[in-house]
């Protein structure tokens, strides 16, 4: 049964981070700025710790709009990340400390 579960988790685009399996937040990156993709998804990117933290937080959702990543907590916008522009803090949140 354990092997079956691991196969299902891998099929759902989950990955192993710090010894714990995390489900990746589904985001459509087709319209995301390439600079932002590098900063967010590459391990040496400045927003990568933020991305990892978002995976652990069930209250956080994100959506790509106008090539930027809009991050919400409990349905309220807290942060907007862009590729080349500075991040926009909408509301103070524990995620904002990571940028």
PDB file of N, CA and C in Angstrom:
ATOM      1  N   UNK A   1       0.818  -1.200   0.000  1.00  0.00           N
ATOM      2  CA  UNK A   1       0.000   0.000   0.000  1.00  0.00           C
ATOM      3  C   UNK A   1       0.865   1.268   0.000  1.00  0.00           C
ATOM      4  N   UNK A   2       1.987   1.229   0.682  1.00  0.00           N
ATOM      5  CA  UNK A   2       2.860   2.392   0.724  1.00  0.00           C
ATOM      6  C   UNK A   2       3.378   2.719  -0.671  1.00  0.00           C
ATOM      7  N   UNK A   3       3.792   1.730  -1.439  1.00  0.00           N
ATOM      8  CA  UNK A   3       4.285   1.965  -2.797  1.00  0.00           C
ATOM      9  C   UNK A   3       3.208   2.590  -3.674  1.00  0.00           C
ATOM     10  N   UNK A   4       1.979   2.126  -3.560  1.00  0.00           N
ATOM     11  CA  UNK A   4       0.879   2.696  -4.336  1.00  0.00           C
ATOM     12  C   UNK A   4       0.697   4.160  -4.004  1.00  0.00           C
ATOM     13  N   UNK A   5       0.737   4.488  -2.719  1.00  0.00           N
ATOM     14  CA  UNK A   5       0.559   5.877  -2.312  1.00  0.00           C
ATOM     15  C   UNK A   5       1.684   6.758  -2.854  1.00  0.00           C
ATOM     16  N   UNK A   6       2.918   6.294  -2.799  1.00  0.00           N
ATOM     17  CA  UNK A   6       4.027   7.081  -3.326  1.00  0.00           C
ATOM     18  C   UNK A   6       3.879   7.318  -4.821  1.00  0.00           C
ATOM     19  N   UNK A   7       3.419   6.304  -5.552  1.00  0.00           N
ATOM     20  CA  UNK A   7       3.204   6.481  -6.984  1.00  0.00           C
ATOM     21  C   UNK A   7       2.132   7.526  -7.247  1.00  0.00           C
ATOM     22  N   UNK A   8       1.068   7.517  -6.468  1.00  0.00           N
ATOM     23  CA  UNK A   8       0.004   8.510  -6.628  1.00  0.00           C
ATOM     24  C   UNK A   8       0.534   9.899  -6.320  1.00  0.00           C
ATOM     25  N   UNK A   9       1.306  10.027  -5.258  1.00  0.00           N
ATOM     26  CA  UNK A   9       1.862  11.330  -4.896  1.00  0.00           C
ATOM     27  C   UNK A   9       2.787  11.865  -5.984  1.00  0.00           C
ATOM     28  N   UNK A  10       3.612  10.997  -6.543  1.00  0.00           N
ATOM     29  CA  UNK A  10       4.502  11.434  -7.622  1.00  0.00           C
ATOM     30  C   UNK A  10       3.700  11.821  -8.854  1.00  0.00           C
ATOM     31  N   UNK A  11       2.624  11.123  -9.127  1.00  0.00           N
ATOM     32  CA  UNK A  11       1.791  11.429 -10.282  1.00  0.00           C
ATOM     33  C   UNK A  11       1.090  12.767 -10.124  1.00  0.00           C
ATOM     34  N   UNK A  12       0.915  13.228  -8.904  1.00  0.00           N
ATOM     35  CA  UNK A  12       0.242  14.508  -8.647  1.00  0.00           C
ATOM     36  C   UNK A  12       1.242  15.658  -8.587  1.00  0.00           C
ATOM     37  N   UNK A  13       2.437  15.460  -9.174  1.00  0.00           N
ATOM     38  CA  UNK A  13       3.489  16.492  -9.191  1.00  0.00           C
ATOM     39  C   UNK A  13       3.887  16.935  -7.796  1.00  0.00           C
ATOM     40  N   UNK A  14       4.022  15.994  -6.900  1.00  0.00           N
ATOM     41  CA  UNK A  14       4.498  16.320  -5.569  1.00  0.00           C
ATOM     42  C   UNK A  14       5.993  16.130  -5.539  1.00  0.00           C
ATOM     43  N   UNK A  15       6.650  16.761  -4.621  1.00  0.00           N
ATOM     44  CA  UNK A  15       8.097  16.620  -4.541  1.00  0.00           C
ATOM     45  C   UNK A  15       8.539  16.562  -3.091  1.00  0.00           C
ATOM     46  N   UNK A  16       9.748  16.132  -2.904  1.00  0.00           N
ATOM     47  CA  UNK A  16      10.287  15.961  -1.563  1.00  0.00           C
ATOM     48  C   UNK A  16      11.141  17.179  -1.215  1.00  0.00           C
ATOM     49  N   UNK A  17      10.811  17.829  -0.104  1.00  0.00           N
ATOM     50  CA  UNK A  17      11.550  18.999   0.348  1.00  0.00           C
ATOM     51  C   UNK A  17      11.808  18.818   1.837  1.00  0.00           C
ATOM     52  N   UNK A  18      13.043  18.879   2.239  1.00  0.00           N
ATOM     53  CA  UNK A  18      13.448  18.754   3.635  1.00  0.00           C
ATOM     54  C   UNK A  18      12.885  17.491   4.277  1.00  0.00           C
ATOM     55  N   UNK A  19      12.875  16.394   3.556  1.00  0.00           N
ATOM     56  CA  UNK A  19      12.461  15.120   4.105  1.00  0.00           C
ATOM     57  C   UNK A  19      10.964  14.921   4.246  1.00  0.00           C
ATOM     58  N   UNK A  20      10.152  15.868   3.816  1.00  0.00           N
ATOM     59  CA  UNK A  20       8.701  15.761   3.918  1.00  0.00           C
ATOM     60  C   UNK A  20       8.112  15.939   2.526  1.00  0.00           C
ATOM     61  N   UNK A  21       7.091  15.172   2.200  1.00  0.00           N
ATOM     62  CA  UNK A  21       6.468  15.285   0.885  1.00  0.00           C
ATOM     63  C   UNK A  21       5.435  16.405   0.923  1.00  0.00           C
ATOM     64  N   UNK A  22       5.554  17.350  -0.018  1.00  0.00           N
ATOM     65  CA  UNK A  22       4.648  18.495  -0.113  1.00  0.00           C
ATOM     66  C   UNK A  22       3.921  18.434  -1.440  1.00  0.00           C
ATOM     67  N   UNK A  23       2.644  18.758  -1.444  1.00  0.00           N
ATOM     68  CA  UNK A  23       1.910  18.843  -2.703  1.00  0.00           C
ATOM     69  C   UNK A  23       2.138  20.227  -3.288  1.00  0.00           C
ATOM     70  N   UNK A  24       2.502  20.271  -4.544  1.00  0.00           N
ATOM     71  CA  UNK A  24       2.765  21.547  -5.198  1.00  0.00           C
ATOM     72  C   UNK A  24       1.463  22.284  -5.442  1.00  0.00           C
ATOM     73  N   UNK A  25       1.473  23.574  -5.161  1.00  0.00           N
ATOM     74  CA  UNK A  25       0.317  24.413  -5.438  1.00  0.00           C
ATOM     75  C   UNK A  25       0.159  24.514  -6.949  1.00  0.00           C
ATOM     76  N   UNK A  26      -0.997  24.152  -7.493  1.00  0.00           N
ATOM     77  CA  UNK A  26      -1.154  24.205  -8.955  1.00  0.00           C
ATOM     78  C   UNK A  26      -1.271  25.653  -9.448  1.00  0.00           C
ATOM     79  N   UNK A  27      -0.351  26.047 -10.308  1.00  0.00           N
ATOM     80  CA  UNK A  27      -0.355  27.400 -10.871  1.00  0.00           C
ATOM     81  C   UNK A  27      -0.102  27.276 -12.368  1.00  0.00           C
ATOM     82  N   UNK A  28      -0.889  27.995 -13.150  1.00  0.00           N
ATOM     83  CA  UNK A  28      -0.692  28.030 -14.598  1.00  0.00           C
ATOM     84  C   UNK A  28       0.427  29.014 -14.895  1.00  0.00           C
ATOM     85  N   UNK A  29       1.584  28.495 -15.254  1.00  0.00           N
ATOM     86  CA  UNK A  29       2.752  29.357 -15.471  1.00  0.00           C
ATOM     87  C   UNK A  29       2.893  29.811 -16.916  1.00  0.00           C
ATOM     88  N   UNK A  30       1.949  29.472 -17.779  1.00  0.00           N
ATOM     89  CA  UNK A  30       2.080  29.841 -19.192  1.00  0.00           C
ATOM     90  C   UNK A  30       2.082  31.352 -19.388  1.00  0.00           C
ATOM     91  N   UNK A  31       1.397  32.088 -18.535  1.00  0.00           N
ATOM     92  CA  UNK A  31       1.351  33.541 -18.658  1.00  0.00           C
ATOM     93  C   UNK A  31       2.214  34.247 -17.620  1.00  0.00           C
ATOM     94  N   UNK A  32       3.061  33.496 -16.916  1.00  0.00           N
ATOM     95  CA  UNK A  32       3.914  34.089 -15.889  1.00  0.00           C
ATOM     96  C   UNK A  32       5.213  34.586 -16.531  1.00  0.00           C
ATOM     97  N   UNK A  33       5.673  35.723 -16.092  1.00  0.00           N
ATOM     98  CA  UNK A  33       6.931  36.307 -16.557  1.00  0.00           C
ATOM     99  C   UNK A  33       8.078  35.310 -16.338  1.00  0.00           C
ATOM    100  N   UNK A  34       8.938  35.166 -17.337  1.00  0.00           N
ATOM    101  CA  UNK A  34      10.034  34.198 -17.227  1.00  0.00           C
ATOM    102  C   UNK A  34      11.005  34.565 -16.109  1.00  0.00           C
ATOM    103  N   UNK A  35      11.198  35.869 -15.867  1.00  0.00           N
ATOM    104  CA  UNK A  35      12.071  36.300 -14.770  1.00  0.00           C
ATOM    105  C   UNK A  35      11.481  35.864 -13.431  1.00  0.00           C
ATOM    106  N   UNK A  36      10.166  35.993 -13.296  1.00  0.00           N
ATOM    107  CA  UNK A  36       9.503  35.586 -12.069  1.00  0.00           C
ATOM    108  C   UNK A  36       9.580  34.073 -11.887  1.00  0.00           C
ATOM    109  N   UNK A  37       9.428  33.327 -12.965  1.00  0.00           N
ATOM    110  CA  UNK A  37       9.541  31.868 -12.875  1.00  0.00           C
ATOM    111  C   UNK A  37      10.907  31.467 -12.325  1.00  0.00           C
ATOM    112  N   UNK A  38      11.958  32.098 -12.810  1.00  0.00           N
ATOM    113  CA  UNK A  38      13.300  31.782 -12.339  1.00  0.00           C
ATOM    114  C   UNK A  38      13.460  32.138 -10.864  1.00  0.00           C
ATOM    115  N   UNK A  39      12.984  33.315 -10.467  1.00  0.00           N
ATOM    116  CA  UNK A  39      13.108  33.751  -9.078  1.00  0.00           C
ATOM    117  C   UNK A  39      12.302  32.871  -8.120  1.00  0.00           C
ATOM    118  N   UNK A  40      11.202  32.326  -8.597  1.00  0.00           N
ATOM    119  CA  UNK A  40      10.291  31.572  -7.751  1.00  0.00           C
ATOM    120  C   UNK A  40      10.621  30.086  -7.692  1.00  0.00           C
ATOM    121  N   UNK A  41      10.922  29.475  -8.822  1.00  0.00           N
ATOM    122  CA  UNK A  41      11.019  28.021  -8.890  1.00  0.00           C
ATOM    123  C   UNK A  41      12.437  27.467  -8.813  1.00  0.00           C
ATOM    124  N   UNK A  42      13.448  28.254  -9.189  1.00  0.00           N
ATOM    125  CA  UNK A  42      14.819  27.763  -9.108  1.00  0.00           C
ATOM    126  C   UNK A  42      15.310  27.855  -7.667  1.00  0.00           C
ATOM    127  N   UNK A  43      16.081  26.874  -7.238  1.00  0.00           N
ATOM    128  CA  UNK A  43      16.501  26.799  -5.836  1.00  0.00           C
ATOM    129  C   UNK A  43      17.315  28.001  -5.380  1.00  0.00           C
ATOM    130  N   UNK A  44      18.021  28.661  -6.284  1.00  0.00           N
ATOM    131  CA  UNK A  44      18.795  29.833  -5.904  1.00  0.00           C
ATOM    132  C   UNK A  44      18.026  31.139  -6.130  1.00  0.00           C
ATOM    133  N   UNK A  45      16.744  31.052  -6.498  1.00  0.00           N
ATOM    134  CA  UNK A  45      15.923  32.241  -6.725  1.00  0.00           C
ATOM    135  C   UNK A  45      15.570  32.947  -5.426  1.00  0.00           C
ATOM    136  N   UNK A  46      15.448  34.269  -5.493  1.00  0.00           N
ATOM    137  CA  UNK A  46      15.200  35.034  -4.264  1.00  0.00           C
ATOM    138  C   UNK A  46      13.807  34.782  -3.681  1.00  0.00           C
ATOM    139  N   UNK A  47      12.847  34.349  -4.503  1.00  0.00           N
ATOM    140  CA  UNK A  47      11.502  34.062  -4.002  1.00  0.00           C
ATOM    141  C   UNK A  47      11.281  32.582  -3.701  1.00  0.00           C
ATOM    142  N   UNK A  48      12.293  31.753  -3.912  1.00  0.00           N
ATOM    143  CA  UNK A  48      12.116  30.311  -3.708  1.00  0.00           C
ATOM    144  C   UNK A  48      11.741  29.945  -2.265  1.00  0.00           C
ATOM    145  N   UNK A  49      12.352  30.553  -1.239  1.00  0.00           N
ATOM    146  CA  UNK A  49      11.920  30.238   0.138  1.00  0.00           C
ATOM    147  C   UNK A  49      10.442  30.589   0.368  1.00  0.00           C
ATOM    148  N   UNK A  50       9.987  31.654  -0.260  1.00  0.00           N
ATOM    149  CA  UNK A  50       8.579  32.037  -0.180  1.00  0.00           C
ATOM    150  C   UNK A  50       7.710  30.963  -0.820  1.00  0.00           C
ATOM    151  N   UNK A  51       8.120  30.457  -1.977  1.00  0.00           N
ATOM    152  CA  UNK A  51       7.374  29.417  -2.686  1.00  0.00           C
ATOM    153  C   UNK A  51       7.267  28.150  -1.825  1.00  0.00           C
ATOM    154  N   UNK A  52       8.366  27.754  -1.206  1.00  0.00           N
ATOM    155  CA  UNK A  52       8.360  26.570  -0.342  1.00  0.00           C
ATOM    156  C   UNK A  52       7.429  26.792   0.840  1.00  0.00           C
ATOM    157  N   UNK A  53       7.473  27.962   1.427  1.00  0.00           N
ATOM    158  CA  UNK A  53       6.605  28.271   2.556  1.00  0.00           C
ATOM    159  C   UNK A  53       5.133  28.256   2.156  1.00  0.00           C
ATOM    160  N   UNK A  54       4.836  28.702   0.949  1.00  0.00           N
ATOM    161  CA  UNK A  54       3.447  28.694   0.465  1.00  0.00           C
ATOM    162  C   UNK A  54       2.914  27.272   0.351  1.00  0.00           C
ATOM    163  N   UNK A  55       3.783  26.318   0.043  1.00  0.00           N
ATOM    164  CA  UNK A  55       3.356  24.928  -0.106  1.00  0.00           C
ATOM    165  C   UNK A  55       2.903  24.341   1.226  1.00  0.00           C
ATOM    166  N   UNK A  56       3.466  24.836   2.319  1.00  0.00           N
ATOM    167  CA  UNK A  56       3.142  24.320   3.653  1.00  0.00           C
ATOM    168  C   UNK A  56       1.913  24.969   4.265  1.00  0.00           C
ATOM    169  N   UNK A  57       1.405  26.020   3.642  1.00  0.00           N
ATOM    170  CA  UNK A  57       0.334  26.813   4.236  1.00  0.00           C
ATOM    171  C   UNK A  57      -0.974  26.597   3.477  1.00  0.00           C
ATOM    172  N   UNK A  58      -1.931  25.940   4.100  1.00  0.00           N
ATOM    173  CA  UNK A  58      -3.197  25.623   3.433  1.00  0.00           C
ATOM    174  C   UNK A  58      -4.096  26.845   3.262  1.00  0.00           C
ATOM    175  N   UNK A  59      -3.814  27.927   3.958  1.00  0.00           N
ATOM    176  CA  UNK A  59      -4.625  29.139   3.847  1.00  0.00           C
ATOM    177  C   UNK A  59      -4.214  30.011   2.666  1.00  0.00           C
ATOM    178  N   UNK A  60      -3.087  29.682   2.032  1.00  0.00           N
ATOM    179  CA  UNK A  60      -2.521  30.516   0.967  1.00  0.00           C
ATOM    180  C   UNK A  60      -2.904  29.952  -0.401  1.00  0.00           C
ATOM    181  N   UNK A  61      -3.347  30.852  -1.282  1.00  0.00           N
ATOM    182  CA  UNK A  61      -3.595  30.515  -2.682  1.00  0.00           C
ATOM    183  C   UNK A  61      -2.886  31.550  -3.546  1.00  0.00           C
ATOM    184  N   UNK A  62      -2.690  31.210  -4.801  1.00  0.00           N
ATOM    185  CA  UNK A  62      -2.009  32.131  -5.710  1.00  0.00           C
ATOM    186  C   UNK A  62      -2.566  31.967  -7.109  1.00  0.00           C
ATOM    187  N   UNK A  63      -2.531  33.060  -7.861  1.00  0.00           N
ATOM    188  CA  UNK A  63      -3.007  33.045  -9.242  1.00  0.00           C
ATOM    189  C   UNK A  63      -2.137  33.986 -10.068  1.00  0.00           C
ATOM    190  N   UNK A  64      -1.937  33.635 -11.334  1.00  0.00           N
ATOM    191  CA  UNK A  64      -1.158  34.486 -12.235  1.00  0.00           C
ATOM    192  C   UNK A  64      -2.113  35.426 -12.954  1.00  0.00           C
ATOM    193  N   UNK A  65      -1.833  36.712 -12.841  1.00  0.00           N
ATOM    194  CA  UNK A  65      -2.595  37.742 -13.552  1.00  0.00           C
ATOM    195  C   UNK A  65      -1.603  38.764 -14.085  1.00  0.00           C
ATOM    196  N   UNK A  66      -1.749  39.107 -15.345  1.00  0.00           N
ATOM    197  CA  UNK A  66      -0.876  40.107 -15.983  1.00  0.00           C
ATOM    198  C   UNK A  66       0.601  39.775 -15.789  1.00  0.00           C
ATOM    199  N   UNK A  67       0.936  38.494 -15.942  1.00  0.00           N
ATOM    200  CA  UNK A  67       2.304  37.988 -15.847  1.00  0.00           C
ATOM    201  C   UNK A  67       2.886  38.083 -14.441  1.00  0.00           C
ATOM    202  N   UNK A  68       2.083  38.460 -13.461  1.00  0.00           N
ATOM    203  CA  UNK A  68       2.514  38.580 -12.069  1.00  0.00           C
ATOM    204  C   UNK A  68       1.818  37.516 -11.226  1.00  0.00           C
ATOM    205  N   UNK A  69       2.412  37.185 -10.070  1.00  0.00           N
ATOM    206  CA  UNK A  69       1.818  36.221  -9.162  1.00  0.00           C
ATOM    207  C   UNK A  69       1.131  36.968  -8.026  1.00  0.00           C
ATOM    208  N   UNK A  70      -0.180  36.808  -7.930  1.00  0.00           N
ATOM    209  CA  UNK A  70      -0.973  37.420  -6.870  1.00  0.00           C
ATOM    210  C   UNK A  70      -1.199  36.366  -5.795  1.00  0.00           C
ATOM    211  N   UNK A  71      -0.791  36.671  -4.568  1.00  0.00           N
ATOM    212  CA  UNK A  71      -0.854  35.719  -3.462  1.00  0.00           C
ATOM    213  C   UNK A  71      -1.920  36.168  -2.474  1.00  0.00           C
ATOM    214  N   UNK A  72      -2.767  35.212  -2.093  1.00  0.00           N
ATOM    215  CA  UNK A  72      -3.903  35.477  -1.205  1.00  0.00           C
ATOM    216  C   UNK A  72      -3.821  34.600   0.038  1.00  0.00           C
ATOM    217  N   UNK A  73      -4.272  35.131   1.160  1.00  0.00           N
ATOM    218  CA  UNK A  73      -4.460  34.348   2.381  1.00  0.00           C
ATOM    219  C   UNK A  73      -5.927  34.498   2.785  1.00  0.00           C
ATOM    220  N   UNK A  74      -6.603  33.369   2.865  1.00  0.00           N
ATOM    221  CA  UNK A  74      -8.031  33.348   3.206  1.00  0.00           C
ATOM    222  C   UNK A  74      -8.846  34.268   2.300  1.00  0.00           C
ATOM    223  N   UNK A  75      -8.501  34.306   1.019  1.00  0.00           N
ATOM    224  CA  UNK A  75      -9.251  35.092   0.046  1.00  0.00           C
ATOM    225  C   UNK A  75      -8.896  36.563  -0.011  1.00  0.00           C
ATOM    226  N   UNK A  76      -7.960  37.022   0.819  1.00  0.00           N
ATOM    227  CA  UNK A  76      -7.556  38.430   0.814  1.00  0.00           C
ATOM    228  C   UNK A  76      -6.135  38.551   0.278  1.00  0.00           C
ATOM    229  N   UNK A  77      -5.959  39.435  -0.676  1.00  0.00           N
ATOM    230  CA  UNK A  77      -4.650  39.608  -1.312  1.00  0.00           C
ATOM    231  C   UNK A  77      -3.649  40.153  -0.306  1.00  0.00           C
ATOM    232  N   UNK A  78      -2.464  39.514  -0.271  1.00  0.00           N
ATOM    233  CA  UNK A  78      -1.419  39.964   0.640  1.00  0.00           C
ATOM    234  C   UNK A  78      -0.162  40.418  -0.088  1.00  0.00           C
ATOM    235  N   UNK A  79       0.077  39.892  -1.302  1.00  0.00           N
ATOM    236  CA  UNK A  79       1.349  40.159  -1.952  1.00  0.00           C
ATOM    237  C   UNK A  79       1.220  39.972  -3.460  1.00  0.00           C
ATOM    238  N   UNK A  80       1.949  40.795  -4.223  1.00  0.00           N
ATOM    239  CA  UNK A  80       2.015  40.651  -5.677  1.00  0.00           C
ATOM    240  C   UNK A  80       3.497  40.608  -6.058  1.00  0.00           C
ATOM    241  N   UNK A  81       3.883  39.524  -6.748  1.00  0.00           N
ATOM    242  CA  UNK A  81       5.266  39.369  -7.183  1.00  0.00           C
ATOM    243  C   UNK A  81       5.352  39.544  -8.687  1.00  0.00           C
ATOM    244  N   UNK A  82       6.336  40.317  -9.118  1.00  0.00           N
ATOM    245  CA  UNK A  82       6.593  40.518 -10.545  1.00  0.00           C
ATOM    246  C   UNK A  82       8.022  40.084 -10.833  1.00  0.00           C
ATOM    247  N   UNK A  83       8.340  39.898 -12.100  1.00  0.00           N
ATOM    248  CA  UNK A  83       9.671  39.431 -12.472  1.00  0.00           C
ATOM    249  C   UNK A  83      10.764  40.453 -12.249  1.00  0.00           C
ATOM    250  N   UNK A  84      10.586  41.641 -12.806  1.00  0.00           N
ATOM    251  CA  UNK A  84      11.621  42.671 -12.702  1.00  0.00           C
ATOM    252  C   UNK A  84      11.267  43.762 -11.696  1.00  0.00           C
ATOM    253  N   UNK A  85       9.996  44.030 -11.498  1.00  0.00           N
ATOM    254  CA  UNK A  85       9.568  45.075 -10.563  1.00  0.00           C
ATOM    255  C   UNK A  85       9.671  44.582  -9.117  1.00  0.00           C
ATOM    256  N   UNK A  86       9.689  45.513  -8.210  1.00  0.00           N
ATOM    257  CA  UNK A  86       9.736  45.182  -6.780  1.00  0.00           C
ATOM    258  C   UNK A  86       8.417  44.539  -6.352  1.00  0.00           C
ATOM    259  N   UNK A  87       8.458  43.654  -5.371  1.00  0.00           N
ATOM    260  CA  UNK A  87       7.217  43.050  -4.880  1.00  0.00           C
ATOM    261  C   UNK A  87       6.336  44.099  -4.210  1.00  0.00           C
ATOM    262  N   UNK A  88       5.025  43.927  -4.357  1.00  0.00           N
ATOM    263  CA  UNK A  88       4.069  44.857  -3.746  1.00  0.00           C
ATOM    264  C   UNK A  88       3.422  44.171  -2.554  1.00  0.00           C
ATOM    265  N   UNK A  89       3.656  44.714  -1.371  1.00  0.00           N
ATOM    266  CA  UNK A  89       3.032  44.189  -0.158  1.00  0.00           C
ATOM    267  C   UNK A  89       1.686  44.886   0.001  1.00  0.00           C
ATOM    268  N   UNK A  90       0.613  44.120  -0.077  1.00  0.00           N
ATOM    269  CA  UNK A  90      -0.733  44.672   0.061  1.00  0.00           C
ATOM    270  C   UNK A  90      -1.150  44.682   1.531  1.00  0.00           C
ATOM    271  N   UNK A  91      -0.914  43.560   2.217  1.00  0.00           N
ATOM    272  CA  UNK A  91      -1.204  43.428   3.643  1.00  0.00           C
ATOM    273  C   UNK A  91       0.007  42.782   4.308  1.00  0.00           C
ATOM    274  N   UNK A  92       0.289  43.186   5.519  1.00  0.00           N
ATOM    275  CA  UNK A  92       1.381  42.541   6.258  1.00  0.00           C
ATOM    276  C   UNK A  92       1.004  41.095   6.528  1.00  0.00           C
ATOM    277  N   UNK A  93       1.941  40.199   6.264  1.00  0.00           N
ATOM    278  CA  UNK A  93       1.693  38.766   6.407  1.00  0.00           C
ATOM    279  C   UNK A  93       3.034  38.101   6.710  1.00  0.00           C
ATOM    280  N   UNK A  94       2.964  36.913   7.299  1.00  0.00           N
ATOM    281  CA  UNK A  94       4.213  36.215   7.619  1.00  0.00           C
ATOM    282  C   UNK A  94       4.992  35.846   6.356  1.00  0.00           C
ATOM    283  N   UNK A  95       4.337  35.739   5.204  1.00  0.00           N
ATOM    284  CA  UNK A  95       5.040  35.475   3.947  1.00  0.00           C
ATOM    285  C   UNK A  95       5.893  36.665   3.518  1.00  0.00           C
ATOM    286  N   UNK A  96       5.462  37.861   3.848  1.00  0.00           N
ATOM    287  CA  UNK A  96       6.170  39.072   3.429  1.00  0.00           C
ATOM    288  C   UNK A  96       7.552  39.159   4.073  1.00  0.00           C
ATOM    289  N   UNK A  97       7.748  38.506   5.198  1.00  0.00           N
ATOM    290  CA  UNK A  97       9.043  38.517   5.878  1.00  0.00           C
ATOM    291  C   UNK A  97      10.085  37.778   5.043  1.00  0.00           C
ATOM    292  N   UNK A  98       9.642  36.843   4.211  1.00  0.00           N
ATOM    293  CA  UNK A  98      10.556  36.012   3.433  1.00  0.00           C
ATOM    294  C   UNK A  98      11.114  36.692   2.188  1.00  0.00           C
ATOM    295  N   UNK A  99      10.589  37.850   1.816  1.00  0.00           N
ATOM    296  CA  UNK A  99      11.115  38.519   0.617  1.00  0.00           C
ATOM    297  C   UNK A  99      12.081  39.625   0.973  1.00  0.00           C
TER     298      UNK A  99
END
